[in-house]
Amino acid sequence: MASIFKAADVALAAMEVEQRGKAFYDHLVEVSEDPRTKELFAYLAEEEVAHENTFREMYDRIKDVAMPAWCNEEEFLNYLRSLIDTHTLFVYGDLEVVKEKVKTREDAMRLAMSFEKDSILFFKEMKDFVPESEKKHVEECIEEERSHLRKLTGMR
């Protein structure tokens, strides 16, 4: 994961989270046998694309915006980096390793719920790094991730 120095770098990190989420859900669509589960994972893959587009547009709007002065504190930057490094789809390194962890439908649901929870946490913290005008977009993604988590929980 790249170092974070500008507000736009946070948007880049969010885009990477969404890209990995899309690849993960695409894999779950391929390996799922239950039609309802397959449909849910396909929907979630589409949602990850929509979120990536949201963060890409945000990146374009804030690419030259410096980080807020208060966030130059090494401790807070390390905290944000640790959220990325310990995110469900980053902790194993390669997505291929994550795919190997999915042996059953329950494994898939558990990892998907972990992914959504980790994304919610990262996006909540991300809001502090973006300009006020962008916070609403991050909040919309948080609400959608919560909705995804509810859907996954309901299907479990």
Protein backbone atom coordinates (compact mmCIF):
# COMPACT_ATOMS: atom_id res chain seq x y z
CA MET A 1 0.00 0.00 0.00
CA ALA A 2 1.34 3.40 -0.95
CA SER A 3 2.11 6.03 1.63
CA ILE A 4 -0.62 8.58 2.22
CA PHE A 5 0.41 12.22 1.83
CA LYS A 6 -2.49 13.99 0.08
CA ALA A 7 -6.23 13.80 0.56
CA ALA A 8 -6.42 12.19 -2.88
CA ASP A 9 -4.19 9.36 -1.67
CA VAL A 10 -6.98 8.34 0.68
CA ALA A 11 -9.33 8.19 -2.32
CA LEU A 12 -6.78 6.02 -4.16
CA ALA A 13 -6.67 3.65 -1.19
CA ALA A 14 -10.48 3.49 -1.18
CA MET A 15 -10.43 2.69 -4.91
CA GLU A 16 -8.06 -0.19 -4.25
CA VAL A 17 -10.35 -1.52 -1.51
CA GLU A 18 -13.26 -1.45 -3.97
CA GLN A 19 -11.23 -3.08 -6.77
CA ARG A 20 -10.28 -5.94 -4.49
CA GLY A 21 -13.88 -6.21 -3.35
CA LYS A 22 -15.07 -6.49 -6.95
CA ALA A 23 -12.53 -9.22 -7.73
CA PHE A 24 -13.46 -11.05 -4.52
CA TYR A 25 -17.20 -10.95 -5.22
CA ASP A 26 -16.64 -11.97 -8.86
CA HIS A 27 -14.81 -15.02 -7.55
CA LEU A 28 -17.65 -15.80 -5.15
CA VAL A 29 -20.13 -15.62 -8.05
CA GLU A 30 -18.02 -18.19 -9.91
CA VAL A 31 -17.78 -20.65 -7.03
CA SER A 32 -21.26 -20.26 -5.51
CA GLU A 33 -23.81 -22.93 -6.31
CA ASP A 34 -26.91 -21.46 -4.66
CA PRO A 35 -28.68 -19.11 -7.12
CA ARG A 36 -29.73 -16.61 -4.42
CA THR A 37 -26.18 -16.43 -3.06
CA LYS A 38 -24.79 -16.05 -6.58
CA GLU A 39 -27.25 -13.21 -7.23
CA LEU A 40 -26.27 -11.44 -4.01
CA PHE A 41 -22.55 -11.66 -4.77
CA ALA A 42 -23.14 -10.41 -8.34
CA TYR A 43 -25.06 -7.45 -6.93
CA LEU A 44 -22.27 -6.72 -4.44
CA ALA A 45 -19.66 -6.87 -7.24
CA GLU A 46 -21.65 -4.23 -9.15
CA GLU A 47 -21.84 -2.10 -6.03
CA GLU A 48 -18.06 -2.22 -5.64
CA VAL A 49 -17.72 -0.84 -9.19
CA ALA A 50 -20.13 1.98 -8.35
CA HIS A 51 -18.16 2.81 -5.20
CA GLU A 52 -14.87 2.73 -7.08
CA ASN A 53 -16.35 5.22 -9.56
CA THR A 54 -17.45 7.44 -6.67
CA PHE A 55 -13.92 7.47 -5.26
CA ARG A 56 -12.39 7.96 -8.72
CA GLU A 57 -14.55 11.06 -9.24
CA MET A 58 -13.60 12.23 -5.75
CA TYR A 59 -9.93 11.71 -6.57
CA ASP A 60 -10.29 13.91 -9.65
CA ARG A 61 -11.89 16.67 -7.58
CA ILE A 62 -9.35 16.60 -4.71
CA LYS A 63 -6.12 15.44 -6.33
CA ASP A 64 -4.32 18.68 -5.48
CA VAL A 65 -5.76 19.11 -1.98
CA ALA A 66 -3.20 18.83 0.82
CA MET A 67 -3.99 16.78 3.90
CA PRO A 68 -5.44 18.76 6.80
CA ALA A 69 -2.66 20.20 8.96
CA TRP A 70 -3.65 18.14 12.00
CA CYS A 71 -3.25 14.82 10.19
CA ASN A 72 0.48 15.13 9.71
CA GLU A 73 0.77 13.43 13.06
CA GLU A 74 2.64 10.20 12.43
CA GLU A 75 0.46 8.27 14.86
CA PHE A 76 -2.75 9.01 12.98
CA LEU A 77 -1.22 8.23 9.59
CA ASN A 78 0.09 4.95 10.97
CA TYR A 79 -3.40 4.17 12.26
CA LEU A 80 -4.92 4.76 8.84
CA ARG A 81 -2.25 2.64 7.18
CA SER A 82 -2.91 -0.14 9.67
CA LEU A 83 -6.62 -0.06 8.77
CA ILE A 84 -5.65 -0.73 5.17
CA ASP A 85 -2.99 -3.32 5.98
CA THR A 86 -5.35 -5.30 8.23
CA HIS A 87 -8.37 -5.01 5.92
CA THR A 88 -9.81 -8.46 5.18
CA LEU A 89 -8.77 -8.44 1.52
CA PHE A 90 -5.30 -7.01 2.22
CA VAL A 91 -4.22 -9.00 5.26
CA TYR A 92 -3.53 -12.12 3.22
CA GLY A 93 -1.62 -10.14 0.62
CA ASP A 94 -2.66 -11.64 -2.68
CA LEU A 95 -6.31 -12.15 -3.60
CA GLU A 96 -5.42 -15.69 -4.68
CA VAL A 97 -4.66 -16.49 -1.03
CA VAL A 98 -8.07 -15.10 -0.03
CA LYS A 99 -9.72 -17.28 -2.68
CA GLU A 100 -8.08 -20.35 -1.14
CA LYS A 101 -9.75 -19.50 2.19
CA VAL A 102 -13.20 -19.95 0.64
CA LYS A 103 -14.09 -23.62 0.88
CA THR A 104 -17.77 -23.37 1.85
CA ARG A 105 -20.70 -20.99 1.51
CA GLU A 106 -20.20 -20.13 5.19
CA ASP A 107 -16.56 -19.20 4.50
CA ALA A 108 -17.71 -16.95 1.66
CA MET A 109 -20.35 -15.24 3.79
CA ARG A 110 -17.97 -14.78 6.73
CA LEU A 111 -15.25 -13.23 4.55
CA ALA A 112 -17.77 -11.04 2.73
CA MET A 113 -19.13 -9.74 6.04
CA SER A 114 -15.60 -9.07 7.28
CA PHE A 115 -14.83 -7.20 4.05
CA GLU A 116 -17.90 -5.00 4.46
CA LYS A 117 -17.18 -4.29 8.15
CA ASP A 118 -13.55 -3.42 7.42
CA SER A 119 -14.67 -1.15 4.58
CA ILE A 120 -17.13 0.66 6.85
CA LEU A 121 -14.39 1.29 9.41
CA PHE A 122 -11.92 2.51 6.79
CA PHE A 123 -14.47 4.83 5.16
CA LYS A 124 -15.55 6.25 8.54
CA GLU A 125 -11.94 7.18 9.26
CA MET A 126 -11.42 8.36 5.69
CA LYS A 127 -14.05 11.08 6.16
CA ASP A 128 -11.62 13.00 8.38
CA PHE A 129 -9.14 13.30 5.51
CA VAL A 130 -11.36 14.63 2.74
CA PRO A 131 -12.69 18.16 2.27
CA GLU A 132 -16.11 18.96 3.72
CA SER A 133 -17.65 18.92 0.23
CA GLU A 134 -16.66 15.25 -0.20
CA LYS A 135 -17.83 13.89 3.15
CA LYS A 136 -21.37 13.27 1.88
CA HIS A 137 -20.04 10.93 -0.82
CA VAL A 138 -18.08 8.92 1.72
CA GLU A 139 -21.13 8.79 4.00
CA GLU A 140 -23.26 7.46 1.12
CA CYS A 141 -20.74 4.65 0.59
CA ILE A 142 -20.75 3.88 4.32
CA GLU A 143 -24.55 3.58 4.28
CA GLU A 144 -24.39 1.30 1.24
CA GLU A 145 -21.74 -0.88 2.91
CA ARG A 146 -24.01 -1.15 5.96
CA SER A 147 -26.82 -2.22 3.65
CA HIS A 148 -24.53 -4.86 2.13
CA LEU A 149 -23.69 -6.16 5.59
CA ARG A 150 -27.40 -6.40 6.45
CA LYS A 151 -28.07 -8.31 3.21
CA LEU A 152 -25.22 -10.71 3.92
CA THR A 153 -26.39 -11.23 7.49
CA GLY A 154 -29.92 -11.89 6.26
CA MET A 155 -28.67 -14.55 3.82
CA ARG A 156 -26.48 -16.28 6.37
